[in-house]
Amino acid sequence: MRVDPQRVFDLAVTAAVLPLAAPVMLVVATLVRLAMGLPVLFRHTRTGLHGRLFTLCRFRTMRAGLFGESDEVRLTGVGQFLRSFSFDELPQLWTVLRGDMSIVGPRPLLPQYGDRYTPEQARRHEVHPRITGLVQVSDETRSRGTRNSHWTYGTWIIGASGSTCGYCCALSGWWCDARA
């Protein structure tokens, strides 16, 4: 039986962080419930390891949208606060425990992008998607304030016209990064 060192790392970090995060998650869930009502969690289908679909859960940060409203209009003050400290991403720890995600790897993308990948870009599905990566923790990203920018989440590889811009991922290592 081969032991996957990344899975061991993921379980160790999650086991250490989850007990500390649980009270914070309870407070955040209460804030979301009071500010925006139900549901407290936002669920979204994403593409994971070997192209398998899974449900990604995050705390909700936006009001339910009316037709034509932009995300900026729908984002609440509580949601903006949660995003600024990444509290909205805490439920993803459960996804790591389930084995659908990893702590570090390429960001999981929406399934509809799959048909736009080049063979090289599709290699991102050779590893588990992640909660964070080098892009999110790099000084360049923090200094530009792009935590929630389109390229941080990996969608930068698909341009508005459907053209691709490039992809780079160190598949053999834990520090996968979706930027050129």
N, C-alpha and C. Protein backbone atom coordinates (compact mmCIF):
# COMPACT_ATOMS: atom_id res chain seq x y z
N MET A 1 0.84 -1.19 0.00
CA MET A 1 0.00 0.00 0.00
C MET A 1 0.89 1.25 0.00
N ARG A 2 0.67 2.11 -0.97
CA ARG A 2 1.44 3.35 -1.10
C ARG A 2 0.75 4.47 -0.32
N VAL A 3 1.50 5.17 0.50
CA VAL A 3 0.97 6.28 1.27
C VAL A 3 1.21 7.56 0.48
N ASP A 4 0.15 8.31 0.26
CA ASP A 4 0.24 9.57 -0.48
C ASP A 4 0.65 10.68 0.50
N PRO A 5 1.86 11.23 0.36
CA PRO A 5 2.32 12.25 1.31
C PRO A 5 1.46 13.51 1.31
N GLN A 6 0.89 13.86 0.16
CA GLN A 6 0.03 15.04 0.14
C GLN A 6 -1.24 14.80 0.94
N ARG A 7 -1.80 13.60 0.84
CA ARG A 7 -3.02 13.29 1.61
C ARG A 7 -2.71 13.29 3.10
N VAL A 8 -1.57 12.77 3.49
CA VAL A 8 -1.16 12.79 4.90
C VAL A 8 -1.03 14.23 5.37
N PHE A 9 -0.39 15.07 4.55
CA PHE A 9 -0.25 16.49 4.87
C PHE A 9 -1.62 17.15 5.02
N ASP A 10 -2.51 16.88 4.05
CA ASP A 10 -3.86 17.47 4.09
C ASP A 10 -4.61 17.08 5.36
N LEU A 11 -4.57 15.80 5.71
CA LEU A 11 -5.27 15.33 6.90
C LEU A 11 -4.66 15.90 8.17
N ALA A 12 -3.34 16.00 8.23
CA ALA A 12 -2.68 16.54 9.42
C ALA A 12 -3.03 18.01 9.61
N VAL A 13 -2.96 18.79 8.54
CA VAL A 13 -3.28 20.22 8.63
C VAL A 13 -4.75 20.41 8.97
N THR A 14 -5.62 19.67 8.30
CA THR A 14 -7.06 19.80 8.56
C THR A 14 -7.41 19.39 9.98
N ALA A 15 -6.81 18.31 10.46
CA ALA A 15 -7.06 17.85 11.83
C ALA A 15 -6.60 18.88 12.86
N ALA A 16 -5.54 19.59 12.54
CA ALA A 16 -5.04 20.62 13.46
C ALA A 16 -5.86 21.90 13.40
N VAL A 17 -6.30 22.26 12.20
CA VAL A 17 -6.99 23.54 12.01
C VAL A 17 -8.48 23.47 12.31
N LEU A 18 -9.12 22.37 11.98
CA LEU A 18 -10.58 22.27 12.11
C LEU A 18 -11.08 22.51 13.53
N PRO A 19 -10.47 21.95 14.58
CA PRO A 19 -10.95 22.25 15.94
C PRO A 19 -10.84 23.74 16.29
N LEU A 20 -9.82 24.40 15.76
CA LEU A 20 -9.67 25.84 16.00
C LEU A 20 -10.65 26.65 15.16
N ALA A 21 -10.94 26.15 13.97
CA ALA A 21 -11.83 26.87 13.05
C ALA A 21 -13.31 26.67 13.39
N ALA A 22 -13.65 25.59 14.08
CA ALA A 22 -15.07 25.29 14.35
C ALA A 22 -15.80 26.43 15.06
N PRO A 23 -15.25 27.02 16.12
CA PRO A 23 -15.97 28.14 16.75
C PRO A 23 -16.10 29.35 15.81
N VAL A 24 -15.06 29.60 15.02
CA VAL A 24 -15.12 30.70 14.05
C VAL A 24 -16.21 30.42 13.02
N MET A 25 -16.29 29.16 12.58
CA MET A 25 -17.31 28.78 11.60
C MET A 25 -18.71 28.97 12.16
N LEU A 26 -18.89 28.68 13.43
CA LEU A 26 -20.19 28.88 14.08
C LEU A 26 -20.57 30.36 14.10
N VAL A 27 -19.62 31.21 14.44
CA VAL A 27 -19.86 32.66 14.46
C VAL A 27 -20.16 33.15 13.04
N VAL A 28 -19.38 32.70 12.07
CA VAL A 28 -19.58 33.13 10.68
C VAL A 28 -20.94 32.67 10.18
N ALA A 29 -21.32 31.43 10.48
CA ALA A 29 -22.63 30.93 10.06
C ALA A 29 -23.75 31.78 10.65
N THR A 30 -23.60 32.18 11.90
CA THR A 30 -24.60 33.03 12.55
C THR A 30 -24.66 34.40 11.88
N LEU A 31 -23.50 34.99 11.57
CA LEU A 31 -23.46 36.28 10.88
C LEU A 31 -24.15 36.21 9.52
N VAL A 32 -23.83 35.16 8.77
CA VAL A 32 -24.43 35.00 7.44
C VAL A 32 -25.94 34.84 7.57
N ARG A 33 -26.38 34.04 8.53
CA ARG A 33 -27.82 33.80 8.74
C ARG A 33 -28.54 35.10 9.08
N LEU A 34 -27.94 35.90 9.96
CA LEU A 34 -28.56 37.16 10.36
C LEU A 34 -28.54 38.20 9.24
N ALA A 35 -27.43 38.25 8.49
CA ALA A 35 -27.28 39.27 7.45
C ALA A 35 -28.01 38.93 6.15
N MET A 36 -28.05 37.62 5.79
CA MET A 36 -28.58 37.26 4.48
C MET A 36 -29.65 36.18 4.52
N GLY A 37 -29.90 35.61 5.68
CA GLY A 37 -30.89 34.54 5.76
C GLY A 37 -30.34 33.21 5.28
N LEU A 38 -31.25 32.33 4.95
CA LEU A 38 -30.86 31.00 4.48
C LEU A 38 -30.78 30.98 2.96
N PRO A 39 -30.00 30.13 2.38
CA PRO A 39 -29.06 29.19 2.99
C PRO A 39 -27.79 29.90 3.44
N VAL A 40 -27.11 29.32 4.41
CA VAL A 40 -25.87 29.88 4.94
C VAL A 40 -24.70 29.52 4.02
N LEU A 41 -24.76 28.34 3.43
CA LEU A 41 -23.68 27.87 2.57
C LEU A 41 -24.02 28.05 1.10
N PHE A 42 -23.01 28.39 0.32
CA PHE A 42 -23.10 28.45 -1.12
C PHE A 42 -22.48 27.16 -1.64
N ARG A 43 -23.23 26.43 -2.43
CA ARG A 43 -22.74 25.17 -2.99
C ARG A 43 -22.59 25.32 -4.50
N HIS A 44 -21.47 24.80 -5.00
CA HIS A 44 -21.18 24.93 -6.41
C HIS A 44 -20.50 23.67 -6.91
N THR A 45 -20.85 23.21 -8.09
CA THR A 45 -20.20 22.04 -8.67
C THR A 45 -18.90 22.48 -9.33
N ARG A 46 -17.83 21.77 -9.02
CA ARG A 46 -16.52 22.04 -9.59
C ARG A 46 -15.91 20.75 -10.11
N THR A 47 -14.87 20.88 -10.91
CA THR A 47 -14.19 19.73 -11.47
C THR A 47 -12.95 19.44 -10.64
N GLY A 48 -12.79 18.17 -10.25
CA GLY A 48 -11.67 17.78 -9.40
C GLY A 48 -10.73 16.80 -10.06
N LEU A 49 -10.13 15.97 -9.23
CA LEU A 49 -9.16 14.98 -9.66
C LEU A 49 -9.75 14.08 -10.74
N HIS A 50 -9.02 13.90 -11.84
CA HIS A 50 -9.42 13.07 -12.98
C HIS A 50 -10.75 13.52 -13.60
N GLY A 51 -11.07 14.81 -13.46
CA GLY A 51 -12.28 15.37 -14.06
C GLY A 51 -13.56 15.03 -13.33
N ARG A 52 -13.46 14.42 -12.15
CA ARG A 52 -14.65 14.06 -11.38
C ARG A 52 -15.28 15.31 -10.78
N LEU A 53 -16.60 15.41 -10.84
CA LEU A 53 -17.31 16.55 -10.29
C LEU A 53 -17.51 16.36 -8.79
N PHE A 54 -17.43 17.47 -8.06
CA PHE A 54 -17.69 17.45 -6.62
C PHE A 54 -18.36 18.76 -6.24
N THR A 55 -18.93 18.80 -5.05
CA THR A 55 -19.60 20.00 -4.57
C THR A 55 -18.67 20.77 -3.65
N LEU A 56 -18.40 22.01 -4.02
CA LEU A 56 -17.58 22.91 -3.23
C LEU A 56 -18.52 23.75 -2.37
N CYS A 57 -18.26 23.84 -1.09
CA CYS A 57 -19.10 24.64 -0.17
C CYS A 57 -18.30 25.80 0.39
N ARG A 58 -18.94 26.94 0.44
CA ARG A 58 -18.36 28.14 1.05
C ARG A 58 -19.48 28.86 1.77
N PHE A 59 -19.10 29.73 2.70
CA PHE A 59 -20.12 30.56 3.31
C PHE A 59 -20.60 31.57 2.28
N ARG A 60 -21.89 31.82 2.28
CA ARG A 60 -22.48 32.75 1.33
C ARG A 60 -22.01 34.16 1.62
N THR A 61 -21.69 34.92 0.57
CA THR A 61 -21.24 36.30 0.73
C THR A 61 -22.10 37.28 -0.05
N MET A 62 -23.04 36.76 -0.85
CA MET A 62 -23.88 37.62 -1.69
C MET A 62 -25.36 37.34 -1.46
N ARG A 63 -26.15 38.39 -1.68
CA ARG A 63 -27.60 38.22 -1.68
C ARG A 63 -28.00 37.46 -2.94
N ALA A 64 -29.11 36.77 -2.87
CA ALA A 64 -29.64 36.12 -4.06
C ALA A 64 -29.89 37.21 -5.10
N GLY A 65 -29.43 36.99 -6.31
CA GLY A 65 -29.47 38.03 -7.32
C GLY A 65 -30.78 38.14 -8.05
N LEU A 66 -31.12 39.35 -8.34
CA LEU A 66 -32.23 39.62 -9.23
C LEU A 66 -31.64 39.71 -10.63
N PHE A 67 -32.45 39.49 -11.61
CA PHE A 67 -31.97 39.50 -12.99
C PHE A 67 -31.27 40.81 -13.29
N GLY A 68 -30.06 40.72 -13.80
CA GLY A 68 -29.32 41.90 -14.22
C GLY A 68 -28.44 42.54 -13.16
N GLU A 69 -28.53 42.12 -11.90
CA GLU A 69 -27.68 42.71 -10.87
C GLU A 69 -26.27 42.16 -10.97
N SER A 70 -25.30 43.05 -10.78
CA SER A 70 -23.89 42.62 -10.82
C SER A 70 -23.49 42.01 -9.48
N ASP A 71 -22.38 41.29 -9.49
CA ASP A 71 -21.86 40.71 -8.25
C ASP A 71 -21.51 41.80 -7.25
N GLU A 72 -21.02 42.94 -7.71
CA GLU A 72 -20.66 44.03 -6.81
C GLU A 72 -21.87 44.54 -6.05
N VAL A 73 -23.02 44.57 -6.70
CA VAL A 73 -24.25 45.02 -6.06
C VAL A 73 -24.74 43.97 -5.07
N ARG A 74 -24.58 42.71 -5.40
CA ARG A 74 -25.08 41.61 -4.56
C ARG A 74 -24.19 41.33 -3.36
N LEU A 75 -22.89 41.70 -3.41
CA LEU A 75 -21.97 41.45 -2.30
C LEU A 75 -22.37 42.31 -1.11
N THR A 76 -22.55 41.66 0.05
CA THR A 76 -22.97 42.37 1.26
C THR A 76 -21.74 42.85 2.03
N GLY A 77 -21.96 43.71 3.01
CA GLY A 77 -20.87 44.16 3.87
C GLY A 77 -20.27 43.00 4.65
N VAL A 78 -21.14 42.13 5.16
CA VAL A 78 -20.66 40.93 5.87
C VAL A 78 -19.87 40.06 4.90
N GLY A 79 -20.38 39.91 3.69
CA GLY A 79 -19.69 39.10 2.69
C GLY A 79 -18.32 39.65 2.35
N GLN A 80 -18.22 40.96 2.23
CA GLN A 80 -16.94 41.60 1.94
C GLN A 80 -15.95 41.35 3.08
N PHE A 81 -16.42 41.45 4.32
CA PHE A 81 -15.59 41.17 5.49
C PHE A 81 -15.12 39.71 5.48
N LEU A 82 -16.05 38.78 5.21
CA LEU A 82 -15.69 37.36 5.19
C LEU A 82 -14.64 37.07 4.12
N ARG A 83 -14.80 37.67 2.96
CA ARG A 83 -13.83 37.46 1.88
C ARG A 83 -12.47 38.07 2.21
N SER A 84 -12.47 39.22 2.85
CA SER A 84 -11.19 39.89 3.13
C SER A 84 -10.32 39.06 4.07
N PHE A 85 -10.93 38.26 4.94
CA PHE A 85 -10.17 37.40 5.85
C PHE A 85 -10.24 35.92 5.46
N SER A 86 -10.82 35.63 4.30
CA SER A 86 -10.99 34.27 3.77
C SER A 86 -11.83 33.37 4.68
N PHE A 87 -12.65 33.96 5.54
CA PHE A 87 -13.54 33.16 6.39
C PHE A 87 -14.58 32.42 5.55
N ASP A 88 -14.91 32.96 4.38
CA ASP A 88 -15.90 32.31 3.53
C ASP A 88 -15.43 30.95 3.04
N GLU A 89 -14.13 30.70 3.08
CA GLU A 89 -13.57 29.45 2.56
C GLU A 89 -13.43 28.35 3.62
N LEU A 90 -13.72 28.64 4.87
CA LEU A 90 -13.55 27.65 5.94
C LEU A 90 -14.31 26.34 5.71
N PRO A 91 -15.53 26.34 5.17
CA PRO A 91 -16.22 25.05 4.94
C PRO A 91 -15.48 24.11 3.99
N GLN A 92 -14.52 24.64 3.23
CA GLN A 92 -13.76 23.78 2.33
C GLN A 92 -12.88 22.79 3.09
N LEU A 93 -12.64 23.04 4.37
CA LEU A 93 -11.89 22.08 5.18
C LEU A 93 -12.60 20.72 5.19
N TRP A 94 -13.93 20.73 5.21
CA TRP A 94 -14.69 19.48 5.18
C TRP A 94 -14.49 18.77 3.84
N THR A 95 -14.36 19.56 2.78
CA THR A 95 -14.13 18.98 1.45
C THR A 95 -12.76 18.31 1.39
N VAL A 96 -11.79 18.89 2.10
CA VAL A 96 -10.46 18.28 2.19
C VAL A 96 -10.56 16.95 2.95
N LEU A 97 -11.30 16.95 4.05
CA LEU A 97 -11.47 15.70 4.81
C LEU A 97 -12.12 14.61 3.96
N ARG A 98 -13.10 15.00 3.13
CA ARG A 98 -13.78 14.03 2.25
C ARG A 98 -12.85 13.50 1.17
N GLY A 99 -11.77 14.22 0.89
CA GLY A 99 -10.83 13.78 -0.13
C GLY A 99 -11.09 14.37 -1.51
N ASP A 100 -12.01 15.33 -1.61
CA ASP A 100 -12.31 15.96 -2.89
C ASP A 100 -11.34 17.09 -3.22
N MET A 101 -10.74 17.68 -2.18
CA MET A 101 -9.82 18.79 -2.38
C MET A 101 -8.57 18.54 -1.57
N SER A 102 -7.57 19.39 -1.82
CA SER A 102 -6.32 19.37 -1.09
C SER A 102 -6.10 20.76 -0.50
N ILE A 103 -5.16 20.87 0.42
CA ILE A 103 -4.83 22.19 0.96
C ILE A 103 -4.16 23.03 -0.12
N VAL A 104 -3.20 22.45 -0.85
CA VAL A 104 -2.43 23.18 -1.86
C VAL A 104 -2.53 22.45 -3.19
N GLY A 105 -2.82 23.18 -4.25
CA GLY A 105 -2.94 22.61 -5.59
C GLY A 105 -3.56 23.64 -6.51
N PRO A 106 -3.96 23.26 -7.73
CA PRO A 106 -4.61 24.22 -8.62
C PRO A 106 -6.05 24.47 -8.18
N ARG A 107 -6.53 25.66 -8.38
CA ARG A 107 -7.89 26.03 -7.97
C ARG A 107 -8.91 25.24 -8.79
N PRO A 108 -9.98 24.72 -8.15
CA PRO A 108 -11.00 23.99 -8.92
C PRO A 108 -11.83 24.95 -9.77
N LEU A 109 -12.02 24.58 -11.01
CA LEU A 109 -12.76 25.45 -11.93
C LEU A 109 -14.15 24.89 -12.22
N LEU A 110 -14.96 25.71 -12.82
CA LEU A 110 -16.31 25.30 -13.20
C LEU A 110 -16.25 24.25 -14.31
N PRO A 111 -17.17 23.29 -14.31
CA PRO A 111 -17.15 22.24 -15.33
C PRO A 111 -17.27 22.76 -16.76
N GLN A 112 -17.95 23.88 -16.98
CA GLN A 112 -18.14 24.37 -18.35
C GLN A 112 -16.85 24.84 -19.01
N TYR A 113 -15.75 25.01 -18.25
CA TYR A 113 -14.48 25.38 -18.85
C TYR A 113 -13.76 24.17 -19.45
N GLY A 114 -14.16 22.97 -19.09
CA GLY A 114 -13.46 21.75 -19.49
C GLY A 114 -13.26 21.60 -20.98
N ASP A 115 -14.24 21.96 -21.78
CA ASP A 115 -14.12 21.78 -23.22
C ASP A 115 -13.19 22.82 -23.87
N ARG A 116 -12.76 23.81 -23.11
CA ARG A 116 -11.85 24.84 -23.64
C ARG A 116 -10.39 24.53 -23.34
N TYR A 117 -10.12 23.53 -22.51
CA TYR A 117 -8.74 23.22 -22.13
C TYR A 117 -7.95 22.63 -23.28
N THR A 118 -6.70 23.04 -23.38
CA THR A 118 -5.76 22.34 -24.24
C THR A 118 -5.34 21.09 -23.47
N PRO A 119 -4.70 20.13 -24.12
CA PRO A 119 -4.22 18.95 -23.37
C PRO A 119 -3.30 19.33 -22.20
N GLU A 120 -2.48 20.34 -22.39
CA GLU A 120 -1.60 20.77 -21.30
C GLU A 120 -2.39 21.36 -20.13
N GLN A 121 -3.39 22.17 -20.44
CA GLN A 121 -4.21 22.77 -19.38
C GLN A 121 -5.03 21.71 -18.65
N ALA A 122 -5.46 20.68 -19.36
CA ALA A 122 -6.26 19.62 -18.74
C ALA A 122 -5.45 18.82 -17.73
N ARG A 123 -4.13 18.97 -17.74
CA ARG A 123 -3.29 18.27 -16.77
C ARG A 123 -3.57 18.72 -15.34
N ARG A 124 -4.23 19.85 -15.16
CA ARG A 124 -4.57 20.32 -13.82
C ARG A 124 -5.42 19.29 -13.09
N HIS A 125 -6.10 18.40 -13.84
CA HIS A 125 -6.95 17.38 -13.22
C HIS A 125 -6.17 16.13 -12.84
N GLU A 126 -4.85 16.18 -12.96
CA GLU A 126 -4.01 15.07 -12.52
C GLU A 126 -3.70 15.17 -11.03
N VAL A 127 -4.07 16.27 -10.41
CA VAL A 127 -3.88 16.48 -8.98
C VAL A 127 -5.20 16.96 -8.38
N HIS A 128 -5.32 16.84 -7.05
CA HIS A 128 -6.52 17.35 -6.38
C HIS A 128 -6.57 18.87 -6.48
N PRO A 129 -7.75 19.43 -6.66
CA PRO A 129 -7.86 20.89 -6.58
C PRO A 129 -7.60 21.31 -5.14
N ARG A 130 -7.40 22.58 -4.91
CA ARG A 130 -6.98 23.03 -3.60
C ARG A 130 -7.75 24.23 -3.07
N ILE A 131 -7.51 24.48 -1.79
CA ILE A 131 -8.04 25.67 -1.14
C ILE A 131 -7.13 26.85 -1.44
N THR A 132 -5.82 26.64 -1.40
CA THR A 132 -4.87 27.72 -1.61
C THR A 132 -3.71 27.25 -2.46
N GLY A 133 -2.90 28.18 -2.87
CA GLY A 133 -1.73 27.87 -3.68
C GLY A 133 -0.76 29.02 -3.65
N LEU A 134 0.30 28.92 -4.41
CA LEU A 134 1.34 29.93 -4.42
C LEU A 134 0.79 31.29 -4.85
N VAL A 135 -0.15 31.29 -5.76
CA VAL A 135 -0.72 32.56 -6.23
C VAL A 135 -1.35 33.33 -5.08
N GLN A 136 -2.07 32.62 -4.20
CA GLN A 136 -2.77 33.30 -3.11
C GLN A 136 -1.84 33.81 -2.02
N VAL A 137 -0.69 33.22 -1.86
CA VAL A 137 0.19 33.62 -0.77
C VAL A 137 1.40 34.42 -1.23
N SER A 138 1.54 34.62 -2.53
CA SER A 138 2.71 35.36 -3.03
C SER A 138 2.60 36.84 -2.70
N ASP A 139 3.73 37.48 -2.51
CA ASP A 139 3.75 38.92 -2.23
C ASP A 139 3.13 39.70 -3.36
N GLU A 140 3.36 39.25 -4.60
CA GLU A 140 2.82 39.95 -5.76
C GLU A 140 1.30 40.00 -5.69
N THR A 141 0.68 38.89 -5.35
CA THR A 141 -0.78 38.82 -5.28
C THR A 141 -1.31 39.69 -4.15
N ARG A 142 -0.69 39.59 -2.98
CA ARG A 142 -1.16 40.38 -1.84
C ARG A 142 -0.98 41.87 -2.10
N SER A 143 0.14 42.27 -2.68
CA SER A 143 0.40 43.69 -2.88
C SER A 143 -0.55 44.30 -3.91
N ARG A 144 -1.01 43.48 -4.87
CA ARG A 144 -1.94 44.00 -5.87
C ARG A 144 -3.38 43.86 -5.43
N GLY A 145 -3.62 43.18 -4.29
CA GLY A 145 -4.97 43.03 -3.78
C GLY A 145 -5.85 42.18 -4.69
N THR A 146 -5.28 41.15 -5.29
CA THR A 146 -6.02 40.38 -6.28
C THR A 146 -6.50 39.03 -5.75
N ARG A 147 -6.72 38.88 -4.45
CA ARG A 147 -7.13 37.61 -3.90
C ARG A 147 -8.35 37.05 -4.62
N ASN A 148 -9.28 37.90 -4.97
CA ASN A 148 -10.50 37.44 -5.62
C ASN A 148 -10.54 37.78 -7.11
N SER A 149 -9.40 38.07 -7.68
CA SER A 149 -9.39 38.40 -9.10
C SER A 149 -9.64 37.15 -9.93
N HIS A 150 -9.99 37.36 -11.18
CA HIS A 150 -10.31 36.22 -12.04
C HIS A 150 -9.15 35.27 -12.20
N TRP A 151 -7.91 35.76 -12.29
CA TRP A 151 -6.80 34.84 -12.52
C TRP A 151 -6.42 34.10 -11.25
N THR A 152 -6.68 34.66 -10.07
CA THR A 152 -6.38 33.97 -8.82
C THR A 152 -7.12 32.65 -8.76
N TYR A 153 -8.33 32.62 -9.24
CA TYR A 153 -9.14 31.41 -9.20
C TYR A 153 -8.88 30.50 -10.38
N GLY A 154 -7.98 30.89 -11.25
CA GLY A 154 -7.58 30.03 -12.34
C GLY A 154 -8.35 30.25 -13.63
N THR A 155 -9.41 31.05 -13.61
CA THR A 155 -10.19 31.23 -14.83
C THR A 155 -9.48 32.12 -15.83
N TRP A 156 -8.34 32.68 -15.43
CA TRP A 156 -7.57 33.52 -16.35
C TRP A 156 -7.14 32.75 -17.58
N ILE A 157 -7.10 31.44 -17.50
CA ILE A 157 -6.64 30.66 -18.64
C ILE A 157 -7.66 30.63 -19.77
N ILE A 158 -8.89 31.03 -19.46
CA ILE A 158 -9.94 31.08 -20.47
C ILE A 158 -10.33 32.54 -20.66
N GLY A 159 -9.98 33.12 -21.77
CA GLY A 159 -10.32 34.50 -22.03
C GLY A 159 -11.80 34.66 -22.35
N ALA A 160 -12.27 35.87 -22.36
CA ALA A 160 -13.69 36.13 -22.63
C ALA A 160 -14.12 35.61 -23.99
N SER A 161 -13.20 35.62 -24.94
CA SER A 161 -13.54 35.15 -26.28
C SER A 161 -13.37 33.63 -26.41
N GLY A 162 -12.95 32.98 -25.30
CA GLY A 162 -12.72 31.55 -25.36
C GLY A 162 -11.28 31.19 -25.68
N SER A 163 -10.45 32.21 -25.88
CA SER A 163 -9.04 31.93 -26.16
C SER A 163 -8.32 31.58 -24.86
N THR A 164 -7.26 30.83 -24.98
CA THR A 164 -6.50 30.46 -23.79
C THR A 164 -5.25 31.31 -23.70
N CYS A 165 -4.84 31.59 -22.48
CA CYS A 165 -3.71 32.49 -22.25
C CYS A 165 -2.48 31.78 -21.73
N GLY A 166 -2.58 30.55 -21.30
CA GLY A 166 -1.42 29.85 -20.80
C GLY A 166 -1.71 29.16 -19.49
N TYR A 167 -0.84 28.25 -19.12
CA TYR A 167 -1.06 27.47 -17.91
C TYR A 167 0.27 26.91 -17.44
N CYS A 168 0.49 26.93 -16.15
CA CYS A 168 1.72 26.37 -15.60
C CYS A 168 1.38 25.70 -14.28
N CYS A 169 1.79 24.47 -14.11
CA CYS A 169 1.53 23.78 -12.85
C CYS A 169 2.62 22.76 -12.61
N ALA A 170 3.22 22.82 -11.46
CA ALA A 170 4.23 21.83 -11.09
C ALA A 170 3.51 20.61 -10.54
N LEU A 171 3.10 19.72 -11.43
CA LEU A 171 2.27 18.59 -11.03
C LEU A 171 2.97 17.64 -10.07
N SER A 172 4.27 17.62 -10.08
CA SER A 172 4.97 16.70 -9.19
C SER A 172 5.11 17.25 -7.77
N GLY A 173 4.86 18.53 -7.58
CA GLY A 173 5.02 19.13 -6.27
C GLY A 173 3.70 19.58 -5.67
N TRP A 174 3.75 20.03 -4.44
CA TRP A 174 2.55 20.51 -3.77
C TRP A 174 2.20 21.92 -4.14
N TRP A 175 3.18 22.70 -4.58
CA TRP A 175 2.94 24.10 -4.86
C TRP A 175 2.51 24.29 -6.29
N CYS A 176 1.28 23.92 -6.57
CA CYS A 176 0.74 24.09 -7.92
C CYS A 176 0.24 25.52 -8.05
N ASP A 177 0.42 26.06 -9.21
CA ASP A 177 0.15 27.46 -9.44
C ASP A 177 -0.45 27.62 -10.82
N ALA A 178 -1.57 28.27 -10.92
CA ALA A 178 -2.22 28.45 -12.21
C ALA A 178 -1.96 29.83 -12.78
N ARG A 179 -0.72 30.11 -13.03
CA ARG A 179 -0.39 31.38 -13.70
C ARG A 179 0.83 31.16 -14.55
N ALA A 180 0.97 31.93 -15.58
CA ALA A 180 2.13 31.79 -16.47
C ALA A 180 3.29 32.59 -15.95
